N, C-alpha and C. Protein backbone atom coordinates (compact mmCIF):
# COMPACT_ATOMS: atom_id res chain seq x y z
N UNK A 1 227.52 163.98 -61.96
CA UNK A 1 227.58 165.39 -62.27
C UNK A 1 228.36 166.10 -61.18
N UNK A 2 229.10 167.11 -61.61
CA UNK A 2 229.85 167.93 -60.66
C UNK A 2 229.54 169.38 -60.93
N UNK A 3 229.65 170.15 -59.89
CA UNK A 3 229.42 171.58 -60.00
C UNK A 3 230.74 172.24 -59.61
N UNK A 4 231.11 173.23 -60.37
CA UNK A 4 232.39 173.88 -60.07
C UNK A 4 232.22 175.34 -59.69
N UNK A 5 233.19 175.82 -58.91
CA UNK A 5 233.21 177.22 -58.54
C UNK A 5 234.63 177.70 -58.80
N UNK A 6 234.73 178.76 -59.54
CA UNK A 6 236.05 179.27 -59.88
C UNK A 6 236.24 180.63 -59.25
N UNK A 7 237.39 180.80 -58.59
CA UNK A 7 237.77 182.10 -58.01
C UNK A 7 239.09 182.53 -58.63
N UNK A 8 239.19 183.80 -58.99
CA UNK A 8 240.46 184.35 -59.50
C UNK A 8 241.00 185.29 -58.43
N UNK A 9 242.22 184.99 -58.01
CA UNK A 9 242.87 185.77 -56.96
C UNK A 9 243.90 186.71 -57.58
N UNK A 10 244.34 187.71 -56.80
CA UNK A 10 245.38 188.62 -57.32
C UNK A 10 246.59 187.84 -57.82
N UNK A 11 247.11 188.26 -58.86
CA UNK A 11 248.26 187.61 -59.47
C UNK A 11 247.80 186.54 -60.45
N UNK A 12 246.55 186.64 -60.84
CA UNK A 12 245.95 185.70 -61.79
C UNK A 12 246.03 184.24 -61.33
N UNK A 13 245.89 184.07 -60.07
CA UNK A 13 245.82 182.70 -59.54
C UNK A 13 244.36 182.25 -59.64
N UNK A 14 244.19 181.14 -60.30
CA UNK A 14 242.84 180.60 -60.50
C UNK A 14 242.67 179.39 -59.59
N UNK A 15 241.64 179.45 -58.84
CA UNK A 15 241.34 178.32 -57.96
C UNK A 15 239.94 177.81 -58.33
N UNK A 16 239.89 176.57 -58.75
CA UNK A 16 238.61 175.95 -59.08
C UNK A 16 238.33 174.85 -58.06
N UNK A 17 237.16 174.93 -57.53
CA UNK A 17 236.74 173.90 -56.57
C UNK A 17 235.57 173.15 -57.20
N UNK A 18 235.76 171.87 -57.33
CA UNK A 18 234.71 171.04 -57.90
C UNK A 18 234.05 170.22 -56.79
N UNK A 19 232.76 170.19 -56.81
CA UNK A 19 232.04 169.37 -55.81
C UNK A 19 230.88 168.67 -56.53
N UNK A 20 230.56 167.48 -56.06
CA UNK A 20 229.46 166.77 -56.71
C UNK A 20 228.14 167.48 -56.47
N UNK A 21 227.29 167.41 -57.50
CA UNK A 21 225.96 168.01 -57.39
C UNK A 21 225.03 166.97 -56.79
N UNK A 22 224.28 167.36 -55.80
CA UNK A 22 223.28 166.46 -55.22
C UNK A 22 222.16 166.33 -56.24
N UNK A 23 221.70 165.11 -56.52
CA UNK A 23 220.61 164.96 -57.49
C UNK A 23 219.33 165.57 -56.95
N UNK A 24 218.50 166.04 -57.88
CA UNK A 24 217.20 166.56 -57.46
C UNK A 24 216.34 165.38 -57.05
N UNK A 25 215.80 165.45 -55.86
CA UNK A 25 214.92 164.40 -55.36
C UNK A 25 213.51 164.67 -55.86
N UNK A 26 212.74 163.63 -55.99
CA UNK A 26 211.33 163.77 -56.37
C UNK A 26 210.49 163.85 -55.10
N UNK A 27 209.40 164.60 -55.17
CA UNK A 27 208.47 164.58 -54.04
C UNK A 27 207.80 163.20 -53.99
N UNK A 28 206.94 162.97 -53.04
CA UNK A 28 206.19 161.70 -52.99
C UNK A 28 205.45 161.52 -54.31
N UNK A 29 205.30 160.27 -54.75
CA UNK A 29 204.59 160.04 -56.01
C UNK A 29 203.17 160.60 -55.94
N UNK A 30 202.62 160.96 -57.08
CA UNK A 30 201.27 161.52 -57.09
C UNK A 30 200.23 160.49 -56.62
N UNK A 31 199.25 160.97 -55.88
CA UNK A 31 198.14 160.12 -55.48
C UNK A 31 197.17 160.05 -56.64
N UNK A 32 196.59 158.87 -56.82
CA UNK A 32 195.56 158.73 -57.86
C UNK A 32 194.27 158.29 -57.17
N UNK A 33 193.17 158.77 -57.68
CA UNK A 33 191.86 158.45 -57.10
C UNK A 33 191.58 156.96 -57.25
N UNK A 34 191.18 156.32 -56.18
CA UNK A 34 190.84 154.89 -56.12
C UNK A 34 192.03 154.00 -56.40
N UNK A 35 193.25 154.51 -56.08
CA UNK A 35 194.44 153.69 -56.28
C UNK A 35 195.54 154.08 -55.31
N UNK A 36 196.60 153.30 -55.31
CA UNK A 36 197.75 153.57 -54.45
C UNK A 36 199.01 153.05 -55.14
N UNK A 37 200.16 153.51 -54.63
CA UNK A 37 201.42 153.05 -55.20
C UNK A 37 202.14 152.16 -54.20
N UNK A 38 203.01 151.31 -54.74
CA UNK A 38 203.83 150.45 -53.89
C UNK A 38 204.96 151.29 -53.31
N UNK A 39 205.65 150.77 -52.37
CA UNK A 39 206.79 151.44 -51.74
C UNK A 39 206.36 152.66 -50.95
N UNK A 40 205.19 152.59 -50.32
CA UNK A 40 204.70 153.71 -49.53
C UNK A 40 205.57 153.96 -48.29
N UNK A 41 206.39 152.96 -47.93
CA UNK A 41 207.27 153.11 -46.78
C UNK A 41 208.51 153.95 -47.12
N UNK A 42 208.81 154.13 -48.41
CA UNK A 42 209.96 154.93 -48.84
C UNK A 42 209.60 156.41 -48.72
N UNK A 43 210.51 157.20 -48.11
CA UNK A 43 210.24 158.63 -47.92
C UNK A 43 211.09 159.51 -48.82
N UNK A 44 212.23 158.99 -49.32
CA UNK A 44 213.13 159.76 -50.19
C UNK A 44 213.16 159.08 -51.54
N UNK A 45 212.84 159.84 -52.58
CA UNK A 45 212.77 159.28 -53.92
C UNK A 45 213.86 159.90 -54.79
N UNK A 46 214.91 159.13 -55.02
CA UNK A 46 216.03 159.60 -55.83
C UNK A 46 215.76 159.25 -57.29
N UNK A 47 216.39 159.97 -58.23
CA UNK A 47 216.18 159.66 -59.64
C UNK A 47 216.45 158.18 -59.92
N UNK A 48 215.58 157.61 -60.73
CA UNK A 48 215.69 156.20 -61.06
C UNK A 48 214.75 155.32 -60.24
N UNK A 49 214.22 155.86 -59.14
CA UNK A 49 213.28 155.10 -58.32
C UNK A 49 211.95 154.99 -59.06
N UNK A 50 211.40 153.79 -59.10
CA UNK A 50 210.09 153.57 -59.73
C UNK A 50 209.11 153.07 -58.68
N UNK A 51 207.88 153.45 -58.85
CA UNK A 51 206.81 152.93 -58.01
C UNK A 51 205.73 152.36 -58.91
N UNK A 52 205.08 151.31 -58.43
CA UNK A 52 204.03 150.63 -59.20
C UNK A 52 202.68 150.95 -58.56
N UNK A 53 201.71 151.27 -59.41
CA UNK A 53 200.36 151.59 -58.94
C UNK A 53 199.43 150.39 -59.07
N UNK A 54 198.44 150.34 -58.20
CA UNK A 54 197.36 149.36 -58.29
C UNK A 54 196.07 150.08 -57.90
N UNK A 55 194.96 149.49 -58.27
CA UNK A 55 193.66 150.11 -58.00
C UNK A 55 192.91 149.37 -56.90
N UNK A 56 192.00 150.08 -56.28
CA UNK A 56 191.12 149.50 -55.27
C UNK A 56 190.23 148.45 -55.92
N UNK A 57 189.69 147.51 -55.11
CA UNK A 57 188.77 146.52 -55.67
C UNK A 57 187.60 147.21 -56.38
N UNK A 58 187.20 146.66 -57.53
CA UNK A 58 186.10 147.23 -58.30
C UNK A 58 186.57 148.29 -59.29
N UNK A 59 187.88 148.54 -59.36
CA UNK A 59 188.43 149.52 -60.29
C UNK A 59 189.51 148.87 -61.12
N UNK A 60 189.72 149.40 -62.33
CA UNK A 60 190.72 148.86 -63.23
C UNK A 60 191.70 149.98 -63.60
N UNK A 61 192.97 149.63 -63.66
CA UNK A 61 194.03 150.60 -63.96
C UNK A 61 194.18 150.76 -65.46
N UNK A 62 194.27 152.01 -65.91
CA UNK A 62 194.56 152.28 -67.32
C UNK A 62 195.81 153.13 -67.39
N UNK A 63 196.58 152.94 -68.43
CA UNK A 63 197.85 153.64 -68.56
C UNK A 63 198.98 152.78 -68.04
N UNK A 64 200.16 153.40 -67.92
CA UNK A 64 201.33 152.68 -67.42
C UNK A 64 201.14 152.38 -65.94
N UNK A 65 201.59 151.21 -65.51
CA UNK A 65 201.44 150.83 -64.11
C UNK A 65 202.52 151.44 -63.23
N UNK A 66 203.62 151.91 -63.83
CA UNK A 66 204.72 152.47 -63.03
C UNK A 66 205.04 153.90 -63.47
N UNK A 67 205.55 154.67 -62.51
CA UNK A 67 206.14 155.98 -62.81
C UNK A 67 207.54 155.98 -62.22
N UNK A 68 208.42 156.78 -62.81
CA UNK A 68 209.82 156.80 -62.40
C UNK A 68 210.24 158.22 -62.05
N UNK A 69 211.03 158.34 -61.00
CA UNK A 69 211.59 159.65 -60.61
C UNK A 69 212.69 160.00 -61.62
N UNK A 70 212.53 161.14 -62.28
CA UNK A 70 213.50 161.58 -63.29
C UNK A 70 214.60 162.43 -62.64
N UNK A 71 215.72 162.60 -63.34
CA UNK A 71 216.83 163.39 -62.80
C UNK A 71 216.47 164.84 -62.59
N UNK A 72 215.42 165.29 -63.23
CA UNK A 72 214.97 166.67 -63.07
C UNK A 72 214.15 166.87 -61.79
N UNK A 73 213.89 165.76 -61.05
CA UNK A 73 213.15 165.86 -59.80
C UNK A 73 211.65 165.80 -59.96
N UNK A 74 211.18 165.33 -61.12
CA UNK A 74 209.74 165.16 -61.33
C UNK A 74 209.47 163.70 -61.71
N UNK A 75 208.22 163.30 -61.58
CA UNK A 75 207.84 161.95 -61.93
C UNK A 75 207.48 161.87 -63.41
N UNK A 76 207.80 160.73 -64.02
CA UNK A 76 207.45 160.51 -65.43
C UNK A 76 205.93 160.57 -65.58
N UNK A 77 205.50 161.00 -66.75
CA UNK A 77 204.07 161.07 -67.02
C UNK A 77 203.78 160.25 -68.27
N UNK A 78 202.57 159.87 -68.53
CA UNK A 78 201.34 160.19 -67.80
C UNK A 78 201.19 159.29 -66.57
N UNK A 79 200.44 159.78 -65.61
CA UNK A 79 200.14 158.98 -64.44
C UNK A 79 199.02 158.02 -64.79
N UNK A 80 198.99 156.86 -64.14
CA UNK A 80 197.88 155.94 -64.40
C UNK A 80 196.58 156.45 -63.79
N UNK A 81 195.47 155.92 -64.26
CA UNK A 81 194.15 156.26 -63.73
C UNK A 81 193.43 154.98 -63.34
N UNK A 82 192.55 155.08 -62.36
CA UNK A 82 191.71 153.95 -61.96
C UNK A 82 190.25 154.27 -62.30
N UNK A 83 189.66 153.45 -63.14
CA UNK A 83 188.26 153.62 -63.52
C UNK A 83 187.43 152.53 -62.88
N UNK A 84 186.20 152.88 -62.53
CA UNK A 84 185.33 151.86 -61.93
C UNK A 84 184.87 150.89 -63.00
N UNK A 85 184.76 149.64 -62.61
CA UNK A 85 184.25 148.62 -63.51
C UNK A 85 182.74 148.77 -63.60
N UNK A 86 182.18 148.51 -64.76
CA UNK A 86 180.72 148.57 -64.83
C UNK A 86 180.15 147.48 -63.93
N UNK A 87 179.03 147.75 -63.29
CA UNK A 87 178.47 146.72 -62.41
C UNK A 87 178.08 145.48 -63.21
N UNK A 88 178.28 144.35 -62.60
CA UNK A 88 177.90 143.10 -63.23
C UNK A 88 176.46 142.82 -62.84
N UNK A 89 175.59 142.81 -63.83
CA UNK A 89 174.17 142.58 -63.58
C UNK A 89 173.90 141.10 -63.80
N UNK A 90 173.22 140.50 -62.84
CA UNK A 90 172.83 139.10 -62.97
C UNK A 90 171.41 138.94 -62.46
N UNK A 91 170.79 137.85 -62.81
CA UNK A 91 169.48 137.49 -62.28
C UNK A 91 169.69 136.35 -61.30
N UNK A 92 169.07 136.45 -60.15
CA UNK A 92 169.16 135.37 -59.17
C UNK A 92 168.27 134.22 -59.63
N UNK A 93 168.64 133.02 -59.22
CA UNK A 93 167.82 131.86 -59.54
C UNK A 93 166.45 132.06 -58.92
N UNK A 94 165.39 131.95 -59.71
CA UNK A 94 164.06 132.22 -59.16
C UNK A 94 163.63 131.15 -58.16
N UNK A 95 162.90 131.59 -57.16
CA UNK A 95 162.34 130.68 -56.17
C UNK A 95 160.87 130.46 -56.54
N UNK A 96 160.53 129.22 -56.85
CA UNK A 96 159.18 128.90 -57.31
C UNK A 96 158.61 127.83 -56.39
N UNK A 97 157.57 128.19 -55.67
CA UNK A 97 156.93 127.23 -54.78
C UNK A 97 156.35 126.10 -55.63
N UNK A 98 156.72 124.87 -55.30
CA UNK A 98 156.27 123.66 -55.98
C UNK A 98 156.83 123.54 -57.39
N UNK A 99 157.94 124.22 -57.66
CA UNK A 99 158.57 124.14 -58.98
C UNK A 99 160.03 124.54 -58.91
N UNK A 100 160.69 124.47 -60.07
CA UNK A 100 162.12 124.80 -60.13
C UNK A 100 162.54 125.04 -61.57
N UNK A 101 163.75 125.58 -61.70
CA UNK A 101 164.37 125.72 -63.01
C UNK A 101 164.73 124.31 -63.47
N UNK A 102 164.60 124.05 -64.77
CA UNK A 102 164.94 122.73 -65.32
C UNK A 102 166.32 122.31 -64.82
N UNK A 103 166.46 121.05 -64.42
CA UNK A 103 167.68 120.53 -63.78
C UNK A 103 168.96 120.92 -64.52
N UNK A 104 168.97 120.76 -65.84
CA UNK A 104 170.20 121.02 -66.60
C UNK A 104 170.55 122.50 -66.69
N UNK A 105 169.64 123.38 -66.27
CA UNK A 105 169.88 124.83 -66.34
C UNK A 105 170.11 125.45 -64.96
N UNK A 106 170.08 124.67 -63.90
CA UNK A 106 170.16 125.24 -62.55
C UNK A 106 171.54 125.79 -62.24
N UNK A 107 171.55 127.02 -61.72
CA UNK A 107 172.76 127.67 -61.23
C UNK A 107 172.33 128.79 -60.29
N UNK A 108 173.28 129.35 -59.54
CA UNK A 108 172.94 130.36 -58.53
C UNK A 108 172.53 131.69 -59.18
N UNK A 109 173.26 132.10 -60.22
CA UNK A 109 172.95 133.36 -60.90
C UNK A 109 173.01 133.13 -62.40
N UNK A 110 172.33 134.02 -63.13
CA UNK A 110 172.26 133.94 -64.59
C UNK A 110 172.62 135.29 -65.17
N UNK A 111 173.29 135.28 -66.32
CA UNK A 111 173.67 136.52 -66.99
C UNK A 111 172.55 136.98 -67.91
N UNK A 112 172.46 138.31 -68.15
CA UNK A 112 171.43 138.82 -69.05
C UNK A 112 171.45 138.07 -70.40
N UNK A 113 170.25 137.77 -70.89
CA UNK A 113 170.11 137.05 -72.15
C UNK A 113 169.88 135.55 -71.96
N UNK A 114 170.19 135.04 -70.75
CA UNK A 114 169.99 133.61 -70.49
C UNK A 114 168.50 133.31 -70.43
N UNK A 115 168.11 132.23 -71.08
CA UNK A 115 166.72 131.80 -71.06
C UNK A 115 166.64 130.50 -70.25
N UNK A 116 165.68 130.45 -69.33
CA UNK A 116 165.50 129.26 -68.51
C UNK A 116 164.11 128.68 -68.73
N UNK A 117 163.96 127.42 -68.38
CA UNK A 117 162.68 126.72 -68.46
C UNK A 117 162.26 126.38 -67.04
N UNK A 118 161.01 126.63 -66.71
CA UNK A 118 160.46 126.33 -65.39
C UNK A 118 159.69 125.01 -65.47
N UNK A 119 159.90 124.15 -64.47
CA UNK A 119 159.17 122.89 -64.38
C UNK A 119 158.51 122.81 -63.01
N UNK A 120 157.29 122.31 -62.98
CA UNK A 120 156.58 122.12 -61.72
C UNK A 120 156.81 120.72 -61.19
N UNK A 121 156.73 120.58 -59.88
CA UNK A 121 156.85 119.27 -59.25
C UNK A 121 155.62 118.43 -59.58
N UNK A 122 155.72 117.11 -59.45
CA UNK A 122 154.57 116.24 -59.72
C UNK A 122 153.35 116.68 -58.89
N UNK A 123 152.18 116.67 -59.54
CA UNK A 123 150.95 117.08 -58.88
C UNK A 123 150.67 118.56 -59.03
N UNK A 124 151.53 119.29 -59.75
CA UNK A 124 151.36 120.73 -59.95
C UNK A 124 151.51 121.05 -61.42
N UNK A 125 150.82 122.10 -61.86
CA UNK A 125 150.92 122.54 -63.26
C UNK A 125 151.36 124.00 -63.30
N UNK A 126 152.00 124.35 -64.37
CA UNK A 126 152.56 125.69 -64.55
C UNK A 126 151.47 126.71 -64.84
N UNK A 127 151.48 127.78 -64.14
CA UNK A 127 150.56 128.90 -64.40
C UNK A 127 151.43 130.02 -64.98
N UNK A 128 151.37 130.18 -66.27
CA UNK A 128 152.22 131.15 -66.97
C UNK A 128 153.02 130.45 -68.04
N UNK A 129 153.95 131.16 -68.61
CA UNK A 129 154.78 130.60 -69.68
C UNK A 129 155.83 129.66 -69.10
N UNK A 130 156.45 128.89 -69.97
CA UNK A 130 157.47 127.96 -69.53
C UNK A 130 158.87 128.58 -69.63
N UNK A 131 159.11 129.47 -70.60
CA UNK A 131 160.43 130.06 -70.81
C UNK A 131 160.52 131.48 -70.28
N UNK A 132 161.66 131.81 -69.63
CA UNK A 132 161.87 133.14 -69.04
C UNK A 132 163.28 133.59 -69.35
N UNK A 133 163.41 134.90 -69.59
CA UNK A 133 164.70 135.46 -69.99
C UNK A 133 165.22 136.42 -68.92
N UNK A 134 166.53 136.30 -68.60
CA UNK A 134 167.17 137.24 -67.67
C UNK A 134 167.37 138.56 -68.40
N UNK A 135 166.74 139.60 -67.89
CA UNK A 135 166.79 140.93 -68.51
C UNK A 135 168.04 141.67 -68.06
N UNK A 136 168.46 142.68 -68.81
CA UNK A 136 169.68 143.44 -68.50
C UNK A 136 169.60 144.23 -67.19
N UNK A 137 168.40 144.38 -66.64
CA UNK A 137 168.29 145.08 -65.35
C UNK A 137 168.18 144.11 -64.17
N UNK A 138 168.41 142.81 -64.41
CA UNK A 138 168.44 141.83 -63.33
C UNK A 138 167.10 141.21 -62.98
N UNK A 139 166.09 141.39 -63.81
CA UNK A 139 164.79 140.78 -63.51
C UNK A 139 164.45 139.78 -64.61
N UNK A 140 163.54 138.87 -64.27
CA UNK A 140 163.09 137.86 -65.23
C UNK A 140 161.92 138.42 -66.05
N UNK A 141 161.95 138.17 -67.37
CA UNK A 141 160.89 138.64 -68.25
C UNK A 141 160.33 137.44 -68.99
N UNK A 142 159.00 137.23 -68.99
CA UNK A 142 158.04 137.89 -68.11
C UNK A 142 158.28 137.46 -66.66
N UNK A 143 157.46 137.99 -65.74
CA UNK A 143 157.67 137.62 -64.33
C UNK A 143 157.53 136.12 -64.16
N UNK A 144 158.24 135.63 -63.14
CA UNK A 144 158.31 134.20 -62.88
C UNK A 144 156.91 133.66 -62.57
N UNK A 145 156.59 132.48 -63.10
CA UNK A 145 155.25 131.91 -62.93
C UNK A 145 155.07 131.24 -61.57
N UNK A 146 153.92 130.61 -61.42
CA UNK A 146 153.68 129.83 -60.21
C UNK A 146 153.27 128.42 -60.63
N UNK A 147 153.37 127.50 -59.69
CA UNK A 147 152.94 126.13 -59.91
C UNK A 147 151.72 125.89 -59.03
N UNK A 148 150.60 125.55 -59.66
CA UNK A 148 149.32 125.37 -58.96
C UNK A 148 148.99 123.88 -58.88
N UNK A 149 148.23 123.48 -57.85
CA UNK A 149 147.84 122.07 -57.76
C UNK A 149 147.09 121.64 -59.02
N UNK A 150 147.37 120.46 -59.51
CA UNK A 150 146.73 119.92 -60.72
C UNK A 150 147.63 118.88 -61.33
N UNK A 151 147.22 118.34 -62.45
CA UNK A 151 148.05 117.35 -63.12
C UNK A 151 147.72 117.35 -64.60
N UNK A 152 148.64 116.78 -65.36
CA UNK A 152 148.40 116.60 -66.79
C UNK A 152 147.90 115.18 -66.99
N UNK A 153 146.97 115.01 -67.92
CA UNK A 153 146.54 113.66 -68.26
C UNK A 153 146.40 113.56 -69.77
N UNK A 154 146.60 112.38 -70.27
CA UNK A 154 146.49 112.15 -71.71
C UNK A 154 145.10 111.60 -71.99
N UNK A 155 144.35 112.30 -72.82
CA UNK A 155 143.02 111.87 -73.19
C UNK A 155 143.07 111.37 -74.62
N UNK A 156 142.57 110.15 -74.87
CA UNK A 156 142.65 109.53 -76.20
C UNK A 156 142.03 110.45 -77.25
N UNK A 157 142.81 110.72 -78.30
CA UNK A 157 142.32 111.49 -79.42
C UNK A 157 142.32 113.00 -79.20
N UNK A 158 142.66 113.50 -78.03
CA UNK A 158 142.59 114.94 -77.81
C UNK A 158 143.96 115.52 -77.47
N UNK A 159 144.99 114.69 -77.30
CA UNK A 159 146.31 115.22 -76.95
C UNK A 159 146.44 115.42 -75.46
N UNK A 160 147.40 116.20 -75.05
CA UNK A 160 147.68 116.45 -73.64
C UNK A 160 146.68 117.45 -73.09
N UNK A 161 146.05 117.11 -71.98
CA UNK A 161 145.05 117.97 -71.35
C UNK A 161 145.55 118.37 -69.96
N UNK A 162 145.12 119.50 -69.47
CA UNK A 162 145.48 119.96 -68.14
C UNK A 162 144.26 119.79 -67.24
N UNK A 163 144.44 119.16 -66.08
CA UNK A 163 143.33 118.93 -65.18
C UNK A 163 143.55 119.73 -63.91
N UNK A 164 142.64 120.64 -63.60
CA UNK A 164 142.70 121.45 -62.39
C UNK A 164 141.33 121.42 -61.75
N UNK A 165 141.30 121.79 -60.48
CA UNK A 165 140.00 121.92 -59.84
C UNK A 165 139.44 123.29 -60.18
N UNK A 166 138.12 123.40 -60.27
CA UNK A 166 137.48 124.66 -60.61
C UNK A 166 136.73 124.52 -61.92
N UNK A 167 136.03 125.58 -62.26
CA UNK A 167 135.25 125.54 -63.50
C UNK A 167 136.17 125.78 -64.68
N UNK A 168 135.71 125.41 -65.86
CA UNK A 168 136.51 125.60 -67.07
C UNK A 168 136.79 127.09 -67.29
N UNK A 169 135.76 127.92 -67.01
CA UNK A 169 135.96 129.37 -67.18
C UNK A 169 137.05 129.88 -66.24
N UNK A 170 137.05 129.43 -64.95
CA UNK A 170 138.08 129.85 -64.00
C UNK A 170 139.45 129.42 -64.49
N UNK A 171 139.57 128.18 -64.96
CA UNK A 171 140.87 127.68 -65.42
C UNK A 171 141.36 128.51 -66.60
N UNK A 172 140.45 128.76 -67.57
CA UNK A 172 140.87 129.56 -68.73
C UNK A 172 141.33 130.94 -68.30
N UNK A 173 140.62 131.55 -67.35
CA UNK A 173 140.98 132.88 -66.85
C UNK A 173 142.28 132.83 -66.06
N UNK A 174 142.36 131.92 -65.08
CA UNK A 174 143.53 131.82 -64.21
C UNK A 174 144.79 131.47 -64.97
N UNK A 175 144.66 130.58 -65.93
CA UNK A 175 145.84 130.09 -66.64
C UNK A 175 146.06 130.78 -67.96
N UNK A 176 145.13 131.63 -68.36
CA UNK A 176 145.23 132.34 -69.63
C UNK A 176 145.42 131.34 -70.77
N UNK A 177 144.59 130.28 -70.76
CA UNK A 177 144.73 129.21 -71.74
C UNK A 177 143.90 129.50 -72.99
N UNK A 178 144.42 129.02 -74.09
CA UNK A 178 143.63 128.98 -75.32
C UNK A 178 143.58 127.50 -75.68
N UNK A 179 142.43 126.88 -75.53
CA UNK A 179 142.35 125.45 -75.74
C UNK A 179 141.93 125.16 -77.16
N UNK A 180 142.73 124.34 -77.81
CA UNK A 180 142.39 123.84 -79.14
C UNK A 180 142.68 122.37 -79.15
N UNK A 181 141.82 121.57 -79.75
CA UNK A 181 142.06 120.13 -79.78
C UNK A 181 143.33 119.82 -80.55
N UNK A 182 144.06 118.82 -80.10
CA UNK A 182 145.27 118.39 -80.80
C UNK A 182 144.92 117.70 -82.10
N UNK A 183 143.78 117.00 -82.11
CA UNK A 183 143.35 116.32 -83.32
C UNK A 183 141.88 116.71 -83.57
N UNK A 184 141.54 117.02 -84.81
CA UNK A 184 140.14 117.37 -85.06
C UNK A 184 139.21 116.21 -84.70
N UNK A 185 138.00 116.55 -84.21
CA UNK A 185 137.05 115.51 -83.80
C UNK A 185 136.38 114.88 -84.98
């Protein structure tokens, strides 16, 4: 582009002086919350210059990743935005004294909806349910059980029995058991 200046002198002498027009420079690119642009070392932004945006960790960029300095001296729009990622909720692997999560299900963390099975070490029996679900708020439902001293034994004609120390009433109360024979007598 050129800009001209015309002067008319006495005697109808026309003098035109043409000079190049300096392009409109863009100001520094717009700052975006939780993000930054590349080329931060550049201080002069001439038309055609593009900068690329990225977001801080834990944020995701939406919109175009780049903006360009236009010949009018403004940046192209729309500007990108950085939105926070929803928190990732997980359940930690439960710590169970004298027990553990079933071998094939063991991992450091579990995602909501995952169901695990608890197993007690030899010489211990499960107090509570066997299956537990990772809840969306990061806790196990129902609460994680405990493994108490005792053992399982097979009694002829009655199915699998649980043997613990204490009275039958204490065991039923402590373990919340409902005992029914496996085979009618």
